[in-house]
Amino acid sequence: MAEIADRHCDLVLVGDSVGMVLHGLQSTTEVTLEMMIMHGKAARRGVKQALLVIDMPFGSYEETPEQAFRNASTIIRETGADAVKLEGGVHMAETIAFLVRRGIPVMAHVGLTPQSVNVFGGYRTQGQGEDSRRVLEDAIAVTRAGAFSIVLEKIPASLADEITGAIDIPTIGIGASAGCDGQVLVIDDLLGMFTAFKPKFVKRYGTLGEAADTALAAYAREVRDRSFPAPEHVFPDKTSPAGDHDT
């Protein structure tokens, strides 16, 4: 996946959504630092040109700036990633500044922050009405703290456009606006591999999940009726003068 994405994308984000789409967890809050490092290492082997960013999982950076630095430096050192991403606005600005001063590039994330979904009461749109001021202030705070880019998730398009115009770092939208400087989607969603649910902001560019289901059904059927493996899929006796040999 990383190799394919590297051919087409400017940035590859190893998101903590791996917990849901690959491990079957109920939310991103269950993802561990070890899981992110494992997936980050795999992605690094495939990404040669794109910027590789790795999510810091829930509980790995919120306690203190020092905790955040220890875990961020571990991620960078063990995976070879170019940067880390963490969620939060005003209240995380001090931590972002702490990391940046110590050589850790940080991508910020405001709006709907999935690791705080229990506080928000679900995956609800953020920044509506009077709440727009809060999200705008979050974006400005992380920009001033030194974040090099910012993910805007599940906020009104008008607010995303306002933020994009108000700050001088790139905005990456997910359920935000086409006016953002870039876009990000979970690869399993856009390829149609993860179909447990489909958020409004997801566009499926493929149906790989359906293709896999069809292929596996055909495989199981042919194994059971013994039409697979066919003669062309097995190796003849080496003493046989005919057919391919296992060399």
Protein backbone atom coordinates (compact mmCIF):
# COMPACT_ATOMS: atom_id res chain seq x y z
CA MET A 1 0.00 0.00 0.00
CA ALA A 2 2.78 2.42 0.91
CA GLU A 3 4.62 1.73 -2.33
CA ILE A 4 1.48 2.43 -4.38
CA ALA A 5 0.62 5.58 -2.43
CA ASP A 6 4.19 6.82 -2.78
CA ARG A 7 3.81 6.89 -6.55
CA HIS A 8 0.87 9.27 -6.40
CA CYS A 9 0.74 11.16 -3.10
CA ASP A 10 2.79 13.99 -1.63
CA LEU A 11 2.25 12.81 1.93
CA VAL A 12 1.56 9.44 3.51
CA LEU A 13 0.02 9.48 6.98
CA VAL A 14 0.16 6.36 9.10
CA GLY A 15 -2.99 7.09 11.06
CA ASP A 16 -4.25 5.51 14.24
CA SER A 17 -7.28 4.46 12.20
CA VAL A 18 -5.23 1.28 11.62
CA GLY A 19 -6.72 0.15 14.92
CA MET A 20 -10.21 0.10 13.43
CA VAL A 21 -9.64 -0.85 9.79
CA LEU A 22 -6.87 -3.42 10.29
CA HIS A 23 -7.18 -4.64 13.87
CA GLY A 24 -10.95 -4.51 14.32
CA LEU A 25 -10.82 -2.22 17.36
CA GLN A 26 -13.84 -0.11 18.27
CA SER A 27 -12.02 3.23 18.33
CA THR A 28 -8.62 4.85 17.93
CA THR A 29 -8.29 5.21 21.71
CA GLU A 30 -7.32 1.52 21.91
CA VAL A 31 -4.28 1.92 19.66
CA THR A 32 -0.86 1.60 21.31
CA LEU A 33 2.51 3.21 20.63
CA GLU A 34 3.88 -0.22 19.69
CA MET A 35 1.18 -0.64 17.04
CA MET A 36 1.96 2.73 15.48
CA ILE A 37 5.68 1.95 15.40
CA MET A 38 5.05 -1.44 13.77
CA HIS A 39 2.88 0.05 11.03
CA GLY A 40 5.22 3.02 10.67
CA LYS A 41 8.18 0.73 9.99
CA ALA A 42 6.22 -1.13 7.33
CA ALA A 43 5.16 2.10 5.62
CA ARG A 44 8.71 3.47 5.73
CA ARG A 45 9.93 0.48 3.72
CA GLY A 46 7.52 1.42 0.95
CA VAL A 47 7.65 5.22 1.07
CA LYS A 48 10.70 6.63 -0.72
CA GLN A 49 9.59 10.08 -1.89
CA ALA A 50 6.46 11.21 -0.05
CA LEU A 51 6.56 12.86 3.36
CA LEU A 52 5.88 10.16 5.96
CA VAL A 53 3.93 11.27 9.04
CA ILE A 54 2.92 9.00 11.92
CA ASP A 55 0.09 9.56 14.39
CA MET A 56 0.92 9.71 18.06
CA PRO A 57 -1.69 7.46 19.72
CA PHE A 58 -3.99 8.34 22.58
CA GLY A 59 -2.16 8.58 25.91
CA SER A 60 1.29 8.98 24.40
CA TYR A 61 1.58 12.78 24.50
CA GLU A 62 -1.17 14.41 26.57
CA GLU A 63 0.38 14.11 30.03
CA THR A 64 3.35 16.47 29.67
CA PRO A 65 5.52 17.94 26.91
CA GLU A 66 8.33 15.75 28.20
CA GLN A 67 6.24 12.60 27.77
CA ALA A 68 5.35 13.74 24.26
CA PHE A 69 9.02 14.28 23.37
CA ARG A 70 10.08 10.86 24.66
CA ASN A 71 7.43 9.09 22.62
CA ALA A 72 7.74 11.27 19.51
CA SER A 73 11.51 10.80 19.44
CA THR A 74 11.00 7.04 19.81
CA ILE A 75 8.63 7.03 16.83
CA ILE A 76 11.04 9.04 14.68
CA ARG A 77 14.07 6.99 15.70
CA GLU A 78 12.51 3.54 15.28
CA THR A 79 10.50 4.17 12.11
CA GLY A 80 12.52 6.77 10.23
CA ALA A 81 9.37 8.90 9.83
CA ASP A 82 9.69 12.53 8.79
CA ALA A 83 7.19 13.90 11.32
CA VAL A 84 4.50 13.04 13.86
CA LYS A 85 0.89 14.16 14.12
CA LEU A 86 -0.98 14.87 17.33
CA GLU A 87 -4.51 16.02 18.05
CA GLY A 88 -5.61 19.14 19.89
CA GLY A 89 -5.60 22.90 19.64
CA VAL A 90 -4.99 25.60 22.23
CA HIS A 91 -4.33 23.13 25.04
CA MET A 92 -1.68 21.31 22.99
CA ALA A 93 0.14 24.41 21.71
CA GLU A 94 2.74 24.30 24.49
CA THR A 95 3.50 20.65 23.70
CA ILE A 96 3.81 21.34 19.98
CA ALA A 97 6.21 24.21 20.63
CA PHE A 98 8.23 21.99 23.00
CA LEU A 99 8.59 19.30 20.33
CA VAL A 100 9.43 21.70 17.52
CA ARG A 101 12.15 23.41 19.57
CA ARG A 102 13.71 19.98 20.03
CA GLY A 103 13.73 19.02 16.38
CA ILE A 104 10.45 17.10 16.05
CA PRO A 105 8.34 18.29 13.08
CA VAL A 106 4.66 18.29 14.10
CA MET A 107 1.48 18.11 12.04
CA ALA A 108 -1.48 19.37 14.07
CA HIS A 109 -5.11 18.18 13.98
CA VAL A 110 -8.16 20.23 15.02
CA GLY A 111 -11.91 20.11 14.56
CA LEU A 112 -13.16 16.60 15.17
CA THR A 113 -10.31 14.88 17.00
CA PRO A 114 -11.20 11.16 17.13
CA GLN A 115 -9.10 10.47 20.23
CA SER A 116 -11.42 12.87 22.10
CA VAL A 117 -14.60 11.37 20.69
CA ASN A 118 -15.86 10.43 24.15
CA VAL A 119 -15.69 14.07 25.22
CA PHE A 120 -17.49 15.22 22.07
CA GLY A 121 -20.25 12.67 22.57
CA GLY A 122 -19.62 10.90 19.27
CA TYR A 123 -18.29 11.62 15.81
CA ARG A 124 -20.15 14.89 15.46
CA THR A 125 -19.36 17.82 13.21
CA GLN A 126 -17.36 20.45 15.07
CA GLY A 127 -17.14 24.21 14.63
CA GLN A 128 -20.79 24.89 13.92
CA GLY A 129 -22.34 28.22 14.91
CA GLU A 130 -20.63 29.84 17.90
CA ASP A 131 -18.29 26.86 18.20
CA SER A 132 -16.51 28.02 15.03
CA ARG A 133 -14.52 30.53 17.10
CA ARG A 134 -13.06 27.73 19.21
CA VAL A 135 -11.83 25.76 16.20
CA LEU A 136 -10.39 28.89 14.57
CA GLU A 137 -8.51 29.73 17.77
CA ASP A 138 -7.22 26.15 17.92
CA ALA A 139 -5.87 26.43 14.38
CA ILE A 140 -4.19 29.76 15.06
CA ALA A 141 -2.66 28.47 18.32
CA VAL A 142 -1.03 25.39 16.77
CA THR A 143 0.23 27.48 13.86
CA ARG A 144 1.91 29.92 16.22
CA ALA A 145 3.33 26.99 18.18
CA GLY A 146 5.26 25.85 15.12
CA ALA A 147 3.20 23.09 13.48
CA PHE A 148 4.17 22.76 9.82
CA SER A 149 0.70 21.68 8.68
CA ILE A 150 -2.75 21.08 10.12
CA VAL A 151 -5.51 18.54 9.54
CA LEU A 152 -9.04 19.99 9.62
CA GLU A 153 -11.55 17.22 10.27
CA LYS A 154 -15.33 17.29 9.98
CA ILE A 155 -15.96 21.02 10.16
CA PRO A 156 -18.16 23.27 7.96
CA ALA A 157 -16.64 24.13 4.60
CA SER A 158 -16.94 27.86 5.26
CA LEU A 159 -14.93 27.51 8.48
CA ALA A 160 -12.28 25.40 6.76
CA ASP A 161 -11.94 28.11 4.09
CA GLU A 162 -11.68 30.81 6.76
CA ILE A 163 -8.94 28.91 8.59
CA THR A 164 -7.05 28.22 5.36
CA GLY A 165 -7.04 31.94 4.64
CA ALA A 166 -6.12 32.94 8.18
CA ILE A 167 -3.01 30.81 8.73
CA ASP A 168 0.20 30.50 6.76
CA ILE A 169 0.71 26.72 6.97
CA PRO A 170 -0.95 24.13 4.70
CA THR A 171 -4.38 22.83 5.70
CA ILE A 172 -5.27 19.20 4.99
CA GLY A 173 -8.99 18.53 4.84
CA ILE A 174 -10.96 15.44 5.76
CA GLY A 175 -14.64 16.23 5.75
CA ALA A 176 -13.81 19.92 5.48
CA SER A 177 -13.51 21.83 2.17
CA ALA A 178 -12.05 21.54 -1.32
CA GLY A 179 -10.50 24.90 -0.51
CA CYS A 180 -8.00 23.26 1.84
CA ASP A 181 -4.45 23.00 0.56
CA GLY A 182 -4.63 19.19 0.52
CA GLN A 183 -6.89 16.26 1.35
CA VAL A 184 -6.48 13.02 3.29
CA LEU A 185 -8.62 9.88 3.43
CA VAL A 186 -8.18 6.50 5.07
CA ILE A 187 -6.85 4.33 2.25
CA ASP A 188 -9.05 1.38 3.23
CA ASP A 189 -12.09 3.66 2.89
CA LEU A 190 -11.21 5.14 -0.49
CA LEU A 191 -10.35 1.70 -1.92
CA GLY A 192 -13.57 0.17 -0.58
CA MET A 193 -11.73 -2.34 1.59
CA PHE A 194 -13.25 -1.20 4.89
CA THR A 195 -17.03 -1.11 4.61
CA ALA A 196 -18.22 -1.37 8.22
CA PHE A 197 -19.44 2.20 7.88
CA LYS A 198 -19.07 5.04 5.38
CA PRO A 199 -18.76 8.61 6.67
CA LYS A 200 -20.35 11.32 4.52
CA PHE A 201 -16.94 12.73 3.59
CA VAL A 202 -15.64 9.44 2.16
CA LYS A 203 -15.64 8.87 -1.60
CA ARG A 204 -14.96 5.29 -2.61
CA TYR A 205 -12.66 5.17 -5.61
CA GLY A 206 -12.62 1.37 -5.70
CA THR A 207 -14.51 -1.72 -4.54
CA LEU A 208 -11.60 -3.89 -3.46
CA GLY A 209 -13.58 -5.36 -0.58
CA GLU A 210 -16.22 -6.71 -2.96
CA ALA A 211 -13.53 -8.01 -5.33
CA ALA A 212 -11.79 -9.80 -2.45
CA ASP A 213 -15.08 -11.35 -1.29
CA THR A 214 -15.81 -12.61 -4.80
CA ALA A 215 -12.30 -14.01 -5.23
CA LEU A 216 -12.29 -15.79 -1.86
CA ALA A 217 -15.73 -17.27 -2.52
CA ALA A 218 -14.52 -18.66 -5.86
CA TYR A 219 -11.37 -20.06 -4.22
CA ALA A 220 -13.30 -21.80 -1.44
CA ARG A 221 -15.79 -23.23 -3.94
CA GLU A 222 -13.06 -24.66 -6.20
CA VAL A 223 -11.17 -26.16 -3.26
CA ARG A 224 -14.32 -27.89 -2.06
CA ASP A 225 -15.24 -29.24 -5.51
CA ARG A 226 -11.56 -30.18 -6.11
CA SER A 227 -11.23 -28.16 -9.31
CA PHE A 228 -8.33 -26.33 -7.65
CA PRO A 229 -5.50 -27.02 -7.82
CA ALA A 230 -5.77 -27.97 -11.50
CA PRO A 231 -3.00 -29.89 -13.33
CA GLU A 232 -1.29 -26.61 -14.32
CA HIS A 233 -0.96 -25.65 -10.64
CA VAL A 234 0.87 -28.79 -9.46
CA PHE A 235 4.35 -30.13 -10.16
CA PRO A 236 4.90 -33.31 -12.16
CA ASP A 237 7.25 -36.06 -11.11
CA LYS A 238 10.82 -35.09 -12.02
CA THR A 239 11.20 -38.38 -13.87
CA SER A 240 8.34 -37.43 -16.17
CA PRO A 241 9.57 -36.25 -19.59
CA ALA A 242 6.58 -33.95 -20.04
CA GLY A 243 5.52 -30.72 -18.37
CA ASP A 244 7.32 -28.08 -16.35
CA HIS A 245 9.78 -29.13 -13.71
CA ASP A 246 10.42 -27.57 -10.36
CA THR A 247 13.86 -26.03 -10.91
